[in-house]
Amino acid sequence: MKLSEIKTYLEQLETIEFKLPNGSLVPRHFHVTEVGKISKTFIDCGGTLRQESVINFQLWEANDYDHRLHPEKLLNIINLSEDKLGLKDVEIEVEYQSETIGKYNLGYSEGSFLLLSKQTNCLAKDNCGIPLEKQKLKLSEIQSQTANCCSPESGCC
């Protein structure tokens, strides 16, 4: 989800709810402790120089159980961050504490923001010999291919 999208959703909501990949909710007394801009410059395993930029939201919960972050307050934080940090309309990444700091993509469905699992990936599969897609073979095809090969009894050699 991009920054412009979350702003549109927040303008329509009365409450904010974040749902974890397992379906449980981030406790309603969460705080957004950071809105930031993260830029990453790196070289992938194929030797290509790459740049990546995301907007980072950090969710945190404390023992102030009466705390509720309202949509208009988060919109104000985002607007201030856009002004002070020069944020562009790029993807949002969310950090949330579980066993360790988890990083999630952000989605939206039926009034809830969804924390979507992120996965690592090779960005240079064509350069490091990883097949783009695993070949699917049927055992019957392998057997028929073998039958079409020369065998010692076939006299072809």
Protein backbone atom coordinates (compact mmCIF):
# COMPACT_ATOMS: atom_id res chain seq x y z
CA MET A 1 0.00 0.00 0.00
CA LYS A 2 1.26 3.45 -0.87
CA LEU A 3 1.09 6.53 1.32
CA SER A 4 -1.74 8.10 -0.70
CA GLU A 5 -3.84 4.96 -0.20
CA ILE A 6 -3.57 4.87 3.59
CA LYS A 7 -4.50 8.54 3.73
CA THR A 8 -7.63 7.86 1.68
CA TYR A 9 -8.64 4.98 3.96
CA LEU A 10 -7.96 6.99 7.14
CA GLU A 11 -10.24 9.78 5.91
CA GLN A 12 -13.11 7.26 5.80
CA LEU A 13 -12.55 5.48 9.13
CA GLU A 14 -13.77 6.15 12.66
CA THR A 15 -11.30 3.74 14.29
CA ILE A 16 -7.99 2.16 13.27
CA GLU A 17 -7.45 -1.57 13.37
CA PHE A 18 -4.34 -3.53 12.34
CA LYS A 19 -4.68 -7.28 11.74
CA LEU A 20 -1.68 -9.63 11.92
CA PRO A 21 -1.13 -12.41 9.36
CA ASN A 22 -2.49 -15.00 11.83
CA GLY A 23 -5.79 -13.08 12.06
CA SER A 24 -5.25 -11.65 15.54
CA LEU A 25 -5.45 -7.90 16.07
CA VAL A 26 -2.76 -5.53 17.24
CA PRO A 27 -4.09 -4.41 20.65
CA ARG A 28 -6.29 -1.31 20.33
CA HIS A 29 -4.00 0.70 22.62
CA PHE A 30 -1.10 0.66 20.12
CA HIS A 31 0.95 3.75 19.32
CA VAL A 32 2.55 4.74 16.03
CA THR A 33 5.95 5.66 17.46
CA GLU A 34 7.67 6.42 14.16
CA VAL A 35 6.83 7.46 10.64
CA GLY A 36 10.04 7.45 8.66
CA LYS A 37 11.70 7.29 5.30
CA ILE A 38 14.04 4.35 4.74
CA SER A 39 16.37 4.31 1.75
CA LYS A 40 18.47 1.26 1.02
CA THR A 41 21.27 1.06 -1.53
CA PHE A 42 22.67 -2.41 -2.12
CA ILE A 43 24.26 -4.77 -4.60
CA ASP A 44 22.38 -7.98 -5.33
CA CYS A 45 24.08 -11.36 -5.75
CA GLY A 46 24.31 -10.75 -9.51
CA GLY A 47 26.34 -7.59 -9.00
CA THR A 48 23.56 -5.10 -9.86
CA LEU A 49 23.43 -1.88 -7.85
CA ARG A 50 19.89 -1.32 -6.56
CA GLN A 51 18.03 1.33 -4.58
CA GLU A 52 14.86 0.89 -2.59
CA SER A 53 12.79 3.41 -0.64
CA VAL A 54 9.87 2.76 1.69
CA ILE A 55 7.92 4.68 4.27
CA ASN A 56 8.15 3.00 7.65
CA PHE A 57 5.49 2.96 10.36
CA GLN A 58 6.48 1.53 13.71
CA LEU A 59 3.64 0.17 15.86
CA TRP A 60 4.20 -0.21 19.59
CA GLU A 61 2.03 -1.09 22.51
CA ALA A 62 2.49 0.01 26.10
CA ASN A 63 0.52 -0.57 29.26
CA ASP A 64 -1.64 2.53 28.74
CA TYR A 65 -4.75 0.50 27.94
CA ASP A 66 -7.02 3.54 27.55
CA HIS A 67 -4.95 4.95 24.68
CA ARG A 68 -6.63 4.98 21.24
CA LEU A 69 -5.06 6.42 18.13
CA HIS A 70 -7.79 8.02 16.04
CA PRO A 71 -7.61 8.21 12.24
CA GLU A 72 -7.40 12.02 12.18
CA LYS A 73 -4.44 11.95 14.59
CA LEU A 74 -2.56 9.47 12.37
CA LEU A 75 -3.38 11.63 9.34
CA ASN A 76 -1.85 14.61 11.16
CA ILE A 77 1.30 12.59 11.92
CA ILE A 78 1.53 11.51 8.27
CA ASN A 79 1.01 15.07 6.99
CA LEU A 80 3.70 16.41 9.33
CA SER A 81 6.05 13.62 8.22
CA GLU A 82 5.39 14.41 4.55
CA ASP A 83 6.28 18.04 5.18
CA LYS A 84 9.34 17.50 7.40
CA LEU A 85 10.77 14.40 5.68
CA GLY A 86 9.75 15.11 2.10
CA LEU A 87 7.96 11.77 1.82
CA LYS A 88 7.02 10.54 -1.65
CA ASP A 89 4.08 8.33 -2.53
CA VAL A 90 5.91 5.02 -2.08
CA GLU A 91 5.08 1.71 -0.41
CA ILE A 92 4.60 1.51 3.36
CA GLU A 93 6.40 -1.04 5.51
CA VAL A 94 5.17 -1.64 9.06
CA GLU A 95 7.36 -2.72 11.98
CA TYR A 96 5.69 -4.45 14.89
CA GLN A 97 7.22 -6.18 17.91
CA SER A 98 6.59 -9.89 18.33
CA GLU A 99 9.40 -12.31 19.26
CA THR A 100 11.62 -9.86 17.37
CA ILE A 101 10.83 -6.83 15.26
CA GLY A 102 8.65 -8.06 12.43
CA LYS A 103 8.47 -6.21 9.11
CA TYR A 104 5.24 -6.35 7.16
CA ASN A 105 3.74 -5.06 3.95
CA LEU A 106 0.47 -3.19 4.41
CA GLY A 107 -2.88 -4.10 2.91
CA TYR A 108 -6.50 -3.19 3.56
CA SER A 109 -9.73 -5.16 3.66
CA GLU A 110 -13.18 -4.57 5.15
CA GLY A 111 -12.17 -1.70 7.43
CA SER A 112 -8.94 -3.25 8.71
CA PHE A 113 -5.33 -2.59 7.82
CA LEU A 114 -3.63 -5.92 7.18
CA LEU A 115 -0.05 -6.63 8.17
CA LEU A 116 1.09 -8.91 5.34
CA SER A 117 4.07 -11.23 5.70
CA LYS A 118 7.19 -10.26 3.78
CA GLN A 119 9.50 -12.77 2.15
CA THR A 120 13.12 -12.64 1.11
CA ASN A 121 13.89 -13.28 -2.53
CA CYS A 122 16.78 -13.45 -4.97
CA LEU A 123 16.73 -10.44 -7.28
CA ALA A 124 19.24 -11.89 -9.74
CA LYS A 125 17.93 -15.38 -10.43
CA ASP A 126 19.05 -15.12 -14.06
CA ASN A 127 22.65 -14.47 -12.92
CA CYS A 128 23.02 -17.11 -10.23
CA GLY A 129 21.55 -20.17 -11.92
CA ILE A 130 18.24 -20.43 -10.10
CA PRO A 131 15.50 -21.67 -12.45
CA LEU A 132 12.66 -19.19 -12.82
CA GLU A 133 10.08 -21.91 -12.23
CA LYS A 134 10.45 -25.45 -11.02
CA GLN A 135 9.93 -27.88 -13.88
CA LYS A 136 6.92 -30.15 -13.45
CA LEU A 137 7.27 -33.61 -14.91
CA LYS A 138 4.87 -36.53 -14.87
CA LEU A 139 6.34 -39.87 -13.93
CA SER A 140 4.60 -41.45 -16.95
CA GLU A 141 6.37 -38.99 -19.28
CA ILE A 142 9.75 -39.81 -17.76
CA GLN A 143 9.12 -43.52 -18.27
CA SER A 144 8.06 -43.02 -21.91
CA GLN A 145 11.13 -40.86 -22.57
CA THR A 146 13.28 -43.61 -21.12
CA ALA A 147 11.54 -46.18 -23.34
CA ASN A 148 12.42 -44.11 -26.42
CA CYS A 149 16.13 -44.14 -25.51
CA CYS A 150 18.57 -46.65 -26.75
CA SER A 151 18.70 -49.76 -24.65
CA PRO A 152 21.38 -52.45 -24.87
CA GLU A 153 18.90 -54.83 -26.56
CA SER A 154 17.69 -52.29 -29.18
CA GLY A 155 20.65 -52.74 -31.48
CA CYS A 156 20.96 -48.97 -32.06
CA CYS A 157 24.51 -48.78 -30.75
